[in-house]
PDB file of N, CA and C in Angstrom:
ATOM      1  N   MET A   1       0.832  -1.174   0.000  1.00  0.00           N
ATOM      2  CA  MET A   1       0.000   0.000   0.000  1.00  0.00           C
ATOM      3  C   MET A   1       0.880   1.240   0.000  1.00  0.00           C
ATOM      4  N   SER A   2       0.536   2.175  -0.799  1.00  0.00           N
ATOM      5  CA  SER A   2       1.332   3.397  -0.833  1.00  0.00           C
ATOM      6  C   SER A   2       0.871   4.348   0.258  1.00  0.00           C
ATOM      7  N   ILE A   3       1.710   5.296   0.576  1.00  0.00           N
ATOM      8  CA  ILE A   3       1.412   6.264   1.629  1.00  0.00           C
ATOM      9  C   ILE A   3       0.211   7.122   1.259  1.00  0.00           C
ATOM     10  N   ASN A   4       0.015   7.385  -0.036  1.00  0.00           N
ATOM     11  CA  ASN A   4      -1.139   8.187  -0.461  1.00  0.00           C
ATOM     12  C   ASN A   4      -2.450   7.484  -0.153  1.00  0.00           C
ATOM     13  N   ILE A   5      -2.486   6.173  -0.317  1.00  0.00           N
ATOM     14  CA  ILE A   5      -3.696   5.417  -0.012  1.00  0.00           C
ATOM     15  C   ILE A   5      -3.980   5.470   1.482  1.00  0.00           C
ATOM     16  N   VAL A   6      -2.943   5.346   2.297  1.00  0.00           N
ATOM     17  CA  VAL A   6      -3.115   5.402   3.750  1.00  0.00           C
ATOM     18  C   VAL A   6      -3.620   6.774   4.168  1.00  0.00           C
ATOM     19  N   LYS A   7      -3.042   7.834   3.627  1.00  0.00           N
ATOM     20  CA  LYS A   7      -3.489   9.184   3.963  1.00  0.00           C
ATOM     21  C   LYS A   7      -4.947   9.396   3.562  1.00  0.00           C
ATOM     22  N   GLN A   8      -5.313   8.944   2.381  1.00  0.00           N
ATOM     23  CA  GLN A   8      -6.690   9.088   1.925  1.00  0.00           C
ATOM     24  C   GLN A   8      -7.649   8.310   2.820  1.00  0.00           C
ATOM     25  N   PHE A   9      -7.241   7.130   3.250  1.00  0.00           N
ATOM     26  CA  PHE A   9      -8.060   6.310   4.122  1.00  0.00           C
ATOM     27  C   PHE A   9      -8.289   7.006   5.468  1.00  0.00           C
ATOM     28  N   LEU A  10      -7.234   7.524   6.075  1.00  0.00           N
ATOM     29  CA  LEU A  10      -7.351   8.194   7.371  1.00  0.00           C
ATOM     30  C   LEU A  10      -8.215   9.448   7.274  1.00  0.00           C
ATOM     31  N   ILE A  11      -8.033  10.224   6.232  1.00  0.00           N
ATOM     32  CA  ILE A  11      -8.823  11.436   6.052  1.00  0.00           C
ATOM     33  C   ILE A  11     -10.285  11.076   5.797  1.00  0.00           C
ATOM     34  N   SER A  12     -10.535  10.022   5.037  1.00  0.00           N
ATOM     35  CA  SER A  12     -11.909   9.593   4.758  1.00  0.00           C
ATOM     36  C   SER A  12     -12.629   9.153   6.027  1.00  0.00           C
ATOM     37  N   ILE A  13     -11.944   8.411   6.889  1.00  0.00           N
ATOM     38  CA  ILE A  13     -12.555   7.972   8.149  1.00  0.00           C
ATOM     39  C   ILE A  13     -12.913   9.177   9.005  1.00  0.00           C
ATOM     40  N   LEU A  14     -11.993  10.110   9.155  1.00  0.00           N
ATOM     41  CA  LEU A  14     -12.244  11.293   9.964  1.00  0.00           C
ATOM     42  C   LEU A  14     -13.410  12.100   9.394  1.00  0.00           C
ATOM     43  N   PHE A  15     -13.433  12.303   8.099  1.00  0.00           N
ATOM     44  CA  PHE A  15     -14.513  13.050   7.459  1.00  0.00           C
ATOM     45  C   PHE A  15     -15.857  12.353   7.674  1.00  0.00           C
ATOM     46  N   LEU A  16     -15.886  11.043   7.511  1.00  0.00           N
ATOM     47  CA  LEU A  16     -17.117  10.284   7.682  1.00  0.00           C
ATOM     48  C   LEU A  16     -17.644  10.396   9.110  1.00  0.00           C
ATOM     49  N   VAL A  17     -16.777  10.281  10.082  1.00  0.00           N
ATOM     50  CA  VAL A  17     -17.200  10.373  11.484  1.00  0.00           C
ATOM     51  C   VAL A  17     -17.767  11.750  11.786  1.00  0.00           C
ATOM     52  N   ILE A  18     -17.133  12.797  11.290  1.00  0.00           N
ATOM     53  CA  ILE A  18     -17.598  14.154  11.561  1.00  0.00           C
ATOM     54  C   ILE A  18     -18.926  14.425  10.865  1.00  0.00           C
ATOM     55  N   VAL A  19     -19.089  13.985   9.623  1.00  0.00           N
ATOM     56  CA  VAL A  19     -20.310  14.245   8.873  1.00  0.00           C
ATOM     57  C   VAL A  19     -21.480  13.434   9.414  1.00  0.00           C
ATOM     58  N   VAL A  20     -21.266  12.181   9.764  1.00  0.00           N
ATOM     59  CA  VAL A  20     -22.346  11.307  10.216  1.00  0.00           C
ATOM     60  C   VAL A  20     -22.799  11.669  11.634  1.00  0.00           C
ATOM     61  N   SER A  21     -21.909  12.173  12.472  1.00  0.00           N
ATOM     62  CA  SER A  21     -22.255  12.505  13.854  1.00  0.00           C
ATOM     63  C   SER A  21     -23.122  13.749  13.910  1.00  0.00           C
ATOM     64  N   PRO A  22     -24.215  13.691  14.652  1.00  0.00           N
ATOM     65  CA  PRO A  22     -24.990  14.920  14.872  1.00  0.00           C
ATOM     66  C   PRO A  22     -24.134  15.942  15.618  1.00  0.00           C
ATOM     67  N   GLN A  23     -24.309  17.185  15.319  1.00  0.00           N
ATOM     68  CA  GLN A  23     -23.456  18.220  15.895  1.00  0.00           C
ATOM     69  C   GLN A  23     -23.563  18.306  17.414  1.00  0.00           C
ATOM     70  N   HIS A  24     -24.697  17.993  17.979  1.00  0.00           N
ATOM     71  CA  HIS A  24     -24.826  18.086  19.433  1.00  0.00           C
ATOM     72  C   HIS A  24     -24.085  16.970  20.166  1.00  0.00           C
ATOM     73  N   THR A  25     -23.638  15.927  19.469  1.00  0.00           N
ATOM     74  CA  THR A  25     -22.904  14.849  20.135  1.00  0.00           C
ATOM     75  C   THR A  25     -21.399  14.966  19.962  1.00  0.00           C
ATOM     76  N   LEU A  26     -20.918  15.945  19.223  1.00  0.00           N
ATOM     77  CA  LEU A  26     -19.476  16.050  19.002  1.00  0.00           C
ATOM     78  C   LEU A  26     -18.713  16.379  20.277  1.00  0.00           C
ATOM     79  N   GLY A  27     -19.375  16.870  21.306  1.00  0.00           N
ATOM     80  CA  GLY A  27     -18.697  17.184  22.560  1.00  0.00           C
ATOM     81  C   GLY A  27     -18.124  15.955  23.247  1.00  0.00           C
ATOM     82  N   GLN A  28     -18.669  14.784  22.971  1.00  0.00           N
ATOM     83  CA  GLN A  28     -18.174  13.557  23.580  1.00  0.00           C
ATOM     84  C   GLN A  28     -17.131  12.852  22.715  1.00  0.00           C
ATOM     85  N   TRP A  29     -16.820  13.406  21.574  1.00  0.00           N
ATOM     86  CA  TRP A  29     -15.821  12.823  20.669  1.00  0.00           C
ATOM     87  C   TRP A  29     -14.486  13.535  20.837  1.00  0.00           C
ATOM     88  N   ASN A  30     -13.413  12.781  20.772  1.00  0.00           N
ATOM     89  CA  ASN A  30     -12.061  13.339  20.733  1.00  0.00           C
ATOM     90  C   ASN A  30     -11.378  12.815  19.480  1.00  0.00           C
ATOM     91  N   PHE A  31     -10.821  13.711  18.684  1.00  0.00           N
ATOM     92  CA  PHE A  31     -10.129  13.348  17.453  1.00  0.00           C
ATOM     93  C   PHE A  31      -8.688  13.838  17.528  1.00  0.00           C
ATOM     94  N   SER A  32      -7.790  13.077  16.936  1.00  0.00           N
ATOM     95  CA  SER A  32      -6.418  13.554  16.823  1.00  0.00           C
ATOM     96  C   SER A  32      -5.812  13.034  15.522  1.00  0.00           C
ATOM     97  N   LEU A  33      -5.097  13.892  14.861  1.00  0.00           N
ATOM     98  CA  LEU A  33      -4.320  13.555  13.671  1.00  0.00           C
ATOM     99  C   LEU A  33      -2.927  14.113  13.890  1.00  0.00           C
ATOM    100  N   SER A  34      -1.929  13.331  13.582  1.00  0.00           N
ATOM    101  CA  SER A  34      -0.568  13.846  13.734  1.00  0.00           C
ATOM    102  C   SER A  34       0.359  13.177  12.730  1.00  0.00           C
ATOM    103  N   THR A  35       1.452  13.836  12.511  1.00  0.00           N
ATOM    104  CA  THR A  35       2.497  13.291  11.652  1.00  0.00           C
ATOM    105  C   THR A  35       3.837  13.720  12.215  1.00  0.00           C
ATOM    106  N   SER A  36       4.819  12.882  12.043  1.00  0.00           N
ATOM    107  CA  SER A  36       6.176  13.240  12.456  1.00  0.00           C
ATOM    108  C   SER A  36       7.163  12.629  11.469  1.00  0.00           C
ATOM    109  N   GLN A  37       8.252  13.321  11.287  1.00  0.00           N
ATOM    110  CA  GLN A  37       9.317  12.852  10.410  1.00  0.00           C
ATOM    111  C   GLN A  37      10.625  12.932  11.181  1.00  0.00           C
ATOM    112  N   GLU A  38      11.484  11.976  10.927  1.00  0.00           N
ATOM    113  CA  GLU A  38      12.807  12.004  11.557  1.00  0.00           C
ATOM    114  C   GLU A  38      13.835  11.390  10.622  1.00  0.00           C
ATOM    115  N   PHE A  39      15.057  11.855  10.775  1.00  0.00           N
ATOM    116  CA  PHE A  39      16.187  11.222  10.115  1.00  0.00           C
ATOM    117  C   PHE A  39      16.971  10.519  11.208  1.00  0.00           C
ATOM    118  N   ASN A  40      17.199   9.216  11.045  1.00  0.00           N
ATOM    119  CA  ASN A  40      17.894   8.437  12.060  1.00  0.00           C
ATOM    120  C   ASN A  40      19.103   7.782  11.428  1.00  0.00           C
ATOM    121  N   SER A  41      20.262   7.943  12.048  1.00  0.00           N
ATOM    122  CA  SER A  41      21.502   7.403  11.480  1.00  0.00           C
ATOM    123  C   SER A  41      21.652   5.902  11.723  1.00  0.00           C
ATOM    124  N   ASN A  42      20.893   5.330  12.662  1.00  0.00           N
ATOM    125  CA  ASN A  42      20.923   3.891  12.907  1.00  0.00           C
ATOM    126  C   ASN A  42      19.634   3.483  13.628  1.00  0.00           C
ATOM    127  N   PRO A  43      18.498   3.436  12.930  1.00  0.00           N
ATOM    128  CA  PRO A  43      17.215   3.227  13.605  1.00  0.00           C
ATOM    129  C   PRO A  43      17.083   1.878  14.312  1.00  0.00           C
ATOM    130  N   PHE A  44      17.812   0.858  13.886  1.00  0.00           N
ATOM    131  CA  PHE A  44      17.683  -0.453  14.513  1.00  0.00           C
ATOM    132  C   PHE A  44      18.917  -0.847  15.304  1.00  0.00           C
ATOM    133  N   ARG A  45      19.802   0.113  15.539  1.00  0.00           N
ATOM    134  CA  ARG A  45      20.995  -0.087  16.377  1.00  0.00           C
ATOM    135  C   ARG A  45      21.788  -1.323  15.954  1.00  0.00           C
ATOM    136  N   SER A  46      21.988  -1.472  14.659  1.00  0.00           N
ATOM    137  CA  SER A  46      22.710  -2.625  14.146  1.00  0.00           C
ATOM    138  C   SER A  46      24.214  -2.355  14.125  1.00  0.00           C
ATOM    139  N   VAL A  47      24.972  -3.422  14.041  1.00  0.00           N
ATOM    140  CA  VAL A  47      26.432  -3.307  14.000  1.00  0.00           C
ATOM    141  C   VAL A  47      26.873  -2.594  12.733  1.00  0.00           C
ATOM    142  N   THR A  48      26.191  -2.876  11.641  1.00  0.00           N
ATOM    143  CA  THR A  48      26.444  -2.191  10.383  1.00  0.00           C
ATOM    144  C   THR A  48      25.309  -1.195  10.178  1.00  0.00           C
ATOM    145  N   PRO A  49      25.498   0.030  10.633  1.00  0.00           N
ATOM    146  CA  PRO A  49      24.380   0.980  10.605  1.00  0.00           C
ATOM    147  C   PRO A  49      24.018   1.435   9.193  1.00  0.00           C
ATOM    148  N   TYR A  50      22.781   1.777   9.045  1.00  0.00           N
ATOM    149  CA  TYR A  50      22.314   2.451   7.838  1.00  0.00           C
ATOM    150  C   TYR A  50      21.430   3.592   8.311  1.00  0.00           C
ATOM    151  N   SER A  51      21.342   4.632   7.537  1.00  0.00           N
ATOM    152  CA  SER A  51      20.505   5.774   7.908  1.00  0.00           C
ATOM    153  C   SER A  51      19.220   5.741   7.089  1.00  0.00           C
ATOM    154  N   ASP A  52      18.166   6.301   7.679  1.00  0.00           N
ATOM    155  CA  ASP A  52      16.879   6.280   7.003  1.00  0.00           C
ATOM    156  C   ASP A  52      16.039   7.469   7.464  1.00  0.00           C
ATOM    157  N   PHE A  53      15.136   7.883   6.600  1.00  0.00           N
ATOM    158  CA  PHE A  53      14.165   8.921   6.905  1.00  0.00           C
ATOM    159  C   PHE A  53      12.857   8.214   7.238  1.00  0.00           C
ATOM    160  N   ILE A  54      12.315   8.444   8.425  1.00  0.00           N
ATOM    161  CA  ILE A  54      11.144   7.728   8.919  1.00  0.00           C
ATOM    162  C   ILE A  54       9.990   8.711   9.088  1.00  0.00           C
ATOM    163  N   SER A  55       8.839   8.373   8.522  1.00  0.00           N
ATOM    164  CA  SER A  55       7.633   9.190   8.668  1.00  0.00           C
ATOM    165  C   SER A  55       6.589   8.386   9.418  1.00  0.00           C
ATOM    166  N   THR A  56       5.884   9.040  10.339  1.00  0.00           N
ATOM    167  CA  THR A  56       4.817   8.405  11.104  1.00  0.00           C
ATOM    168  C   THR A  56       3.554   9.233  10.940  1.00  0.00           C
ATOM    169  N   TYR A  57       2.440   8.556  10.624  1.00  0.00           N
ATOM    170  CA  TYR A  57       1.131   9.179  10.472  1.00  0.00           C
ATOM    171  C   TYR A  57       0.192   8.511  11.468  1.00  0.00           C
ATOM    172  N   GLU A  58      -0.497   9.306  12.287  1.00  0.00           N
ATOM    173  CA  GLU A  58      -1.334   8.746  13.343  1.00  0.00           C
ATOM    174  C   GLU A  58      -2.748   9.333  13.315  1.00  0.00           C
ATOM    175  N   LEU A  59      -3.717   8.495  13.690  1.00  0.00           N
ATOM    176  CA  LEU A  59      -5.111   8.897  13.806  1.00  0.00           C
ATOM    177  C   LEU A  59      -5.642   8.343  15.118  1.00  0.00           C
ATOM    178  N   GLY A  60      -6.342   9.186  15.872  1.00  0.00           N
ATOM    179  CA  GLY A  60      -6.966   8.744  17.114  1.00  0.00           C
ATOM    180  C   GLY A  60      -8.404   9.228  17.177  1.00  0.00           C
ATOM    181  N   ILE A  61      -9.306   8.352  17.588  1.00  0.00           N
ATOM    182  CA  ILE A  61     -10.721   8.687  17.752  1.00  0.00           C
ATOM    183  C   ILE A  61     -11.182   8.069  19.068  1.00  0.00           C
ATOM    184  N   GLU A  62     -11.784   8.884  19.921  1.00  0.00           N
ATOM    185  CA  GLU A  62     -12.341   8.401  21.188  1.00  0.00           C
ATOM    186  C   GLU A  62     -13.768   8.892  21.331  1.00  0.00           C
ATOM    187  N   ARG A  63     -14.600   8.102  21.998  1.00  0.00           N
ATOM    188  CA  ARG A  63     -15.989   8.485  22.243  1.00  0.00           C
ATOM    189  C   ARG A  63     -16.329   8.164  23.683  1.00  0.00           C
ATOM    190  N   GLU A  64     -16.867   9.136  24.393  1.00  0.00           N
ATOM    191  CA  GLU A  64     -17.265   8.954  25.782  1.00  0.00           C
ATOM    192  C   GLU A  64     -18.763   8.668  25.855  1.00  0.00           C
ATOM    193  N   PHE A  65     -19.108   7.573  26.517  1.00  0.00           N
ATOM    194  CA  PHE A  65     -20.495   7.222  26.805  1.00  0.00           C
ATOM    195  C   PHE A  65     -20.693   7.247  28.316  1.00  0.00           C
ATOM    196  N   ASP A  66     -21.915   7.119  28.774  1.00  0.00           N
ATOM    197  CA  ASP A  66     -22.181   7.135  30.212  1.00  0.00           C
ATOM    198  C   ASP A  66     -21.515   5.968  30.937  1.00  0.00           C
ATOM    199  N   GLN A  67     -21.606   4.778  30.369  1.00  0.00           N
ATOM    200  CA  GLN A  67     -21.111   3.588  31.056  1.00  0.00           C
ATOM    201  C   GLN A  67     -19.725   3.138  30.613  1.00  0.00           C
ATOM    202  N   LEU A  68     -19.331   3.444  29.386  1.00  0.00           N
ATOM    203  CA  LEU A  68     -18.084   2.920  28.833  1.00  0.00           C
ATOM    204  C   LEU A  68     -17.579   3.844  27.744  1.00  0.00           C
ATOM    205  N   ASN A  69     -16.278   3.935  27.601  1.00  0.00           N
ATOM    206  CA  ASN A  69     -15.660   4.736  26.545  1.00  0.00           C
ATOM    207  C   ASN A  69     -15.016   3.796  25.533  1.00  0.00           C
ATOM    208  N   ILE A  70     -14.972   4.227  24.276  1.00  0.00           N
ATOM    209  CA  ILE A  70     -14.318   3.437  23.240  1.00  0.00           C
ATOM    210  C   ILE A  70     -13.250   4.294  22.570  1.00  0.00           C
ATOM    211  N   LEU A  71     -12.249   3.640  21.997  1.00  0.00           N
ATOM    212  CA  LEU A  71     -11.207   4.372  21.289  1.00  0.00           C
ATOM    213  C   LEU A  71     -10.655   3.542  20.151  1.00  0.00           C
ATOM    214  N   TYR A  72     -10.097   4.238  19.193  1.00  0.00           N
ATOM    215  CA  TYR A  72      -9.337   3.625  18.098  1.00  0.00           C
ATOM    216  C   TYR A  72      -8.112   4.495  17.866  1.00  0.00           C
ATOM    217  N   TYR A  73      -6.962   3.880  17.842  1.00  0.00           N
ATOM    218  CA  TYR A  73      -5.729   4.554  17.450  1.00  0.00           C
ATOM    219  C   TYR A  73      -5.077   3.727  16.358  1.00  0.00           C
ATOM    220  N   GLY A  74      -4.583   4.391  15.345  1.00  0.00           N
ATOM    221  CA  GLY A  74      -3.884   3.706  14.275  1.00  0.00           C
ATOM    222  C   GLY A  74      -2.717   4.539  13.805  1.00  0.00           C
ATOM    223  N   SER A  75      -1.676   3.865  13.355  1.00  0.00           N
ATOM    224  CA  SER A  75      -0.526   4.595  12.829  1.00  0.00           C
ATOM    225  C   SER A  75       0.103   3.808  11.685  1.00  0.00           C
ATOM    226  N   TYR A  76       0.768   4.542  10.836  1.00  0.00           N
ATOM    227  CA  TYR A  76       1.530   3.966   9.733  1.00  0.00           C
ATOM    228  C   TYR A  76       2.939   4.530   9.835  1.00  0.00           C
ATOM    229  N   ASN A  77       3.933   3.655   9.900  1.00  0.00           N
ATOM    230  CA  ASN A  77       5.335   4.057   9.973  1.00  0.00           C
ATOM    231  C   ASN A  77       6.006   3.681   8.670  1.00  0.00           C
ATOM    232  N   SER A  78       6.547   4.687   8.001  1.00  0.00           N
ATOM    233  CA  SER A  78       7.117   4.507   6.671  1.00  0.00           C
ATOM    234  C   SER A  78       8.623   4.761   6.701  1.00  0.00           C
ATOM    235  N   PHE A  79       9.392   3.801   6.206  1.00  0.00           N
ATOM    236  CA  PHE A  79      10.838   3.933   6.062  1.00  0.00           C
ATOM    237  C   PHE A  79      11.135   4.161   4.584  1.00  0.00           C
ATOM    238  N   ILE A  80      11.856   5.218   4.265  1.00  0.00           N
ATOM    239  CA  ILE A  80      12.098   5.572   2.869  1.00  0.00           C
ATOM    240  C   ILE A  80      13.099   4.616   2.218  1.00  0.00           C
ATOM    241  N   GLU A  81      14.244   4.412   2.833  1.00  0.00           N
ATOM    242  CA  GLU A  81      15.280   3.557   2.243  1.00  0.00           C
ATOM    243  C   GLU A  81      14.927   2.068   2.330  1.00  0.00           C
ATOM    244  N   ALA A  82      14.291   1.675   3.398  1.00  0.00           N
ATOM    245  CA  ALA A  82      13.935   0.266   3.604  1.00  0.00           C
ATOM    246  C   ALA A  82      12.415   0.152   3.649  1.00  0.00           C
ATOM    247  N   SER A  83      11.777   0.395   2.521  1.00  0.00           N
ATOM    248  CA  SER A  83      10.311   0.419   2.487  1.00  0.00           C
ATOM    249  C   SER A  83       9.688  -0.942   2.815  1.00  0.00           C
ATOM    250  N   ASP A  84      10.454  -2.019   2.728  1.00  0.00           N
ATOM    251  CA  ASP A  84       9.922  -3.349   3.054  1.00  0.00           C
ATOM    252  C   ASP A  84       9.614  -3.514   4.536  1.00  0.00           C
ATOM    253  N   ILE A  85      10.145  -2.626   5.386  1.00  0.00           N
ATOM    254  CA  ILE A  85       9.873  -2.762   6.820  1.00  0.00           C
ATOM    255  C   ILE A  85       8.890  -1.717   7.340  1.00  0.00           C
ATOM    256  N   SER A  86       8.232  -0.999   6.441  1.00  0.00           N
ATOM    257  CA  SER A  86       7.155  -0.099   6.856  1.00  0.00           C
ATOM    258  C   SER A  86       6.024  -0.950   7.429  1.00  0.00           C
ATOM    259  N   TYR A  87       5.309  -0.408   8.423  1.00  0.00           N
ATOM    260  CA  TYR A  87       4.264  -1.205   9.064  1.00  0.00           C
ATOM    261  C   TYR A  87       3.112  -0.335   9.549  1.00  0.00           C
ATOM    262  N   TYR A  88       1.971  -1.017   9.823  1.00  0.00           N
ATOM    263  CA  TYR A  88       0.767  -0.416  10.378  1.00  0.00           C
ATOM    264  C   TYR A  88       0.596  -0.918  11.806  1.00  0.00           C
ATOM    265  N   TRP A  89       0.030  -0.098  12.670  1.00  0.00           N
ATOM    266  CA  TRP A  89      -0.277  -0.492  14.040  1.00  0.00           C
ATOM    267  C   TRP A  89      -1.670   0.031  14.368  1.00  0.00           C
ATOM    268  N   HIS A  90      -2.534  -0.832  14.916  1.00  0.00           N
ATOM    269  CA  HIS A  90      -3.903  -0.466  15.248  1.00  0.00           C
ATOM    270  C   HIS A  90      -4.203  -0.861  16.690  1.00  0.00           C
ATOM    271  N   GLN A  91      -5.023  -0.064  17.360  1.00  0.00           N
ATOM    272  CA  GLN A  91      -5.450  -0.387  18.723  1.00  0.00           C
ATOM    273  C   GLN A  91      -6.920   0.005  18.883  1.00  0.00           C
ATOM    274  N   ILE A  92      -7.691  -0.900  19.468  1.00  0.00           N
ATOM    275  CA  ILE A  92      -9.087  -0.644  19.822  1.00  0.00           C
ATOM    276  C   ILE A  92      -9.205  -0.866  21.323  1.00  0.00           C
ATOM    277  N   GLY A  93      -9.914   0.016  22.001  1.00  0.00           N
ATOM    278  CA  GLY A  93     -10.036  -0.122  23.441  1.00  0.00           C
ATOM    279  C   GLY A  93     -11.432   0.188  23.941  1.00  0.00           C
ATOM    280  N   LEU A  94     -11.793  -0.468  25.019  1.00  0.00           N
ATOM    281  CA  LEU A  94     -13.011  -0.207  25.768  1.00  0.00           C
ATOM    282  C   LEU A  94     -12.555   0.064  27.191  1.00  0.00           C
ATOM    283  N   TYR A  95     -12.942   1.200  27.765  1.00  0.00           N
ATOM    284  CA  TYR A  95     -12.448   1.521  29.102  1.00  0.00           C
ATOM    285  C   TYR A  95     -13.430   2.405  29.853  1.00  0.00           C
ATOM    286  N   LYS A  96     -13.233   2.476  31.136  1.00  0.00           N
ATOM    287  CA  LYS A  96     -14.037   3.316  32.019  1.00  0.00           C
ATOM    288  C   LYS A  96     -13.080   4.045  32.969  1.00  0.00           C
ATOM    289  N   GLU A  97     -13.344   5.324  33.168  1.00  0.00           N
ATOM    290  CA  GLU A  97     -12.524   6.129  34.066  1.00  0.00           C
ATOM    291  C   GLU A  97     -13.371   6.613  35.236  1.00  0.00           C
ATOM    292  N   ASN A  98     -12.730   6.743  36.391  1.00  0.00           N
ATOM    293  CA  ASN A  98     -13.352   7.456  37.499  1.00  0.00           C
ATOM    294  C   ASN A  98     -12.262   8.295  38.174  1.00  0.00           C
ATOM    295  N   GLU A  99     -12.527   8.819  39.334  1.00  0.00           N
ATOM    296  CA  GLU A  99     -11.571   9.716  39.977  1.00  0.00           C
ATOM    297  C   GLU A  99     -10.280   9.025  40.394  1.00  0.00           C
ATOM    298  N   HIS A 100     -10.313   7.720  40.649  1.00  0.00           N
ATOM    299  CA  HIS A 100      -9.168   7.026  41.229  1.00  0.00           C
ATOM    300  C   HIS A 100      -8.415   6.104  40.275  1.00  0.00           C
ATOM    301  N   PHE A 101      -9.079   5.572  39.270  1.00  0.00           N
ATOM    302  CA  PHE A 101      -8.398   4.642  38.379  1.00  0.00           C
ATOM    303  C   PHE A 101      -9.130   4.515  37.045  1.00  0.00           C
ATOM    304  N   THR A 102      -8.457   3.856  36.109  1.00  0.00           N
ATOM    305  CA  THR A 102      -9.021   3.528  34.806  1.00  0.00           C
ATOM    306  C   THR A 102      -8.930   2.022  34.622  1.00  0.00           C
ATOM    307  N   TRP A 103      -9.996   1.383  34.179  1.00  0.00           N
ATOM    308  CA  TRP A 103      -9.975  -0.038  33.882  1.00  0.00           C
ATOM    309  C   TRP A 103     -10.546  -0.250  32.486  1.00  0.00           C
ATOM    310  N   GLY A 104     -10.097  -1.309  31.830  1.00  0.00           N
ATOM    311  CA  GLY A 104     -10.610  -1.569  30.494  1.00  0.00           C
ATOM    312  C   GLY A 104      -9.866  -2.684  29.799  1.00  0.00           C
ATOM    313  N   ALA A 105     -10.129  -2.826  28.534  1.00  0.00           N
ATOM    314  CA  ALA A 105      -9.475  -3.827  27.687  1.00  0.00           C
ATOM    315  C   ALA A 105      -9.004  -3.139  26.417  1.00  0.00           C
ATOM    316  N   TYR A 106      -7.785  -3.436  26.016  1.00  0.00           N
ATOM    317  CA  TYR A 106      -7.191  -2.855  24.818  1.00  0.00           C
ATOM    318  C   TYR A 106      -6.693  -3.992  23.929  1.00  0.00           C
ATOM    319  N   PHE A 107      -7.005  -3.889  22.658  1.00  0.00           N
ATOM    320  CA  PHE A 107      -6.605  -4.902  21.693  1.00  0.00           C
ATOM    321  C   PHE A 107      -5.811  -4.201  20.600  1.00  0.00           C
ATOM    322  N   GLU A 108      -4.659  -4.747  20.276  1.00  0.00           N
ATOM    323  CA  GLU A 108      -3.848  -4.115  19.246  1.00  0.00           C
ATOM    324  C   GLU A 108      -3.323  -5.145  18.263  1.00  0.00           C
ATOM    325  N   GLN A 109      -2.998  -4.655  17.086  1.00  0.00           N
ATOM    326  CA  GLN A 109      -2.473  -5.499  16.030  1.00  0.00           C
ATOM    327  C   GLN A 109      -1.439  -4.707  15.254  1.00  0.00           C
ATOM    328  N   ARG A 110      -0.363  -5.365  14.936  1.00  0.00           N
ATOM    329  CA  ARG A 110       0.665  -4.769  14.093  1.00  0.00           C
ATOM    330  C   ARG A 110       0.681  -5.549  12.789  1.00  0.00           C
ATOM    331  N   ILE A 111       0.557  -4.839  11.682  1.00  0.00           N
ATOM    332  CA  ILE A 111       0.537  -5.467  10.359  1.00  0.00           C
ATOM    333  C   ILE A 111       1.861  -5.138   9.680  1.00  0.00           C
ATOM    334  N   ASN A 112       2.656  -6.152   9.472  1.00  0.00           N
ATOM    335  CA  ASN A 112       3.959  -5.963   8.860  1.00  0.00           C
ATOM    336  C   ASN A 112       4.357  -7.221   8.087  1.00  0.00           C
ATOM    337  N   LYS A 113       5.495  -7.159   7.460  1.00  0.00           N
ATOM    338  CA  LYS A 113       6.016  -8.286   6.702  1.00  0.00           C
ATOM    339  C   LYS A 113       6.971  -9.103   7.572  1.00  0.00           C
ATOM    340  N   GLU A 114       7.337 -10.260   7.108  1.00  0.00           N
ATOM    341  CA  GLU A 114       8.218 -11.167   7.862  1.00  0.00           C
ATOM    342  C   GLU A 114       9.565 -10.523   8.183  1.00  0.00           C
ATOM    343  N   LEU A 115      10.037  -9.662   7.318  1.00  0.00           N
ATOM    344  CA  LEU A 115      11.331  -8.999   7.536  1.00  0.00           C
ATOM    345  C   LEU A 115      11.339  -8.159   8.819  1.00  0.00           C
ATOM    346  N   ASN A 116      10.173  -7.642   9.229  1.00  0.00           N
ATOM    347  CA  ASN A 116      10.092  -6.839  10.458  1.00  0.00           C
ATOM    348  C   ASN A 116      10.464  -7.630  11.700  1.00  0.00           C
ATOM    349  N   ASN A 117      10.233  -8.934  11.695  1.00  0.00           N
ATOM    350  CA  ASN A 117      10.584  -9.742  12.861  1.00  0.00           C
ATOM    351  C   ASN A 117      12.080  -9.709  13.123  1.00  0.00           C
ATOM    352  N   TYR A 118      12.881  -9.577  12.104  1.00  0.00           N
ATOM    353  CA  TYR A 118      14.331  -9.482  12.264  1.00  0.00           C
ATOM    354  C   TYR A 118      14.716  -8.135  12.859  1.00  0.00           C
ATOM    355  N   PHE A 119      14.079  -7.063  12.422  1.00  0.00           N
ATOM    356  CA  PHE A 119      14.431  -5.716  12.869  1.00  0.00           C
ATOM    357  C   PHE A 119      13.721  -5.298  14.159  1.00  0.00           C
ATOM    358  N   ASP A 120      12.716  -6.030  14.595  1.00  0.00           N
ATOM    359  CA  ASP A 120      11.933  -5.641  15.766  1.00  0.00           C
ATOM    360  C   ASP A 120      12.758  -5.844  17.028  1.00  0.00           C
ATOM    361  N   TYR A 121      13.062  -4.753  17.706  1.00  0.00           N
ATOM    362  CA  TYR A 121      13.862  -4.862  18.930  1.00  0.00           C
ATOM    363  C   TYR A 121      13.089  -4.379  20.121  1.00  0.00           C
TER     364      TYR A 121
END
């Protein structure tokens, strides 16, 4: 998947959520979009270093209900020189907060290729 497809997908989801939601309920929604870029001279701390430009694109959506809150966070990490190790990360959560603690369940998935298992530290 190219980065343009990922960007279009994230923007489409955000647009759909905002348009479909009635305006009086947007107060209980939290949205976040972010991007970061870095140049790293040895991103995997290998003996034979290589440098790479790394871009991260993130989307977060949370909704507060009376009894339970839900969230979705997703990110795409893109390596320019080693594009085979670019990966997606997704998290879905159900949680409840009060004055003293937060309890809930979080489920996450990382979508990557077999080569990432070698570089994953």
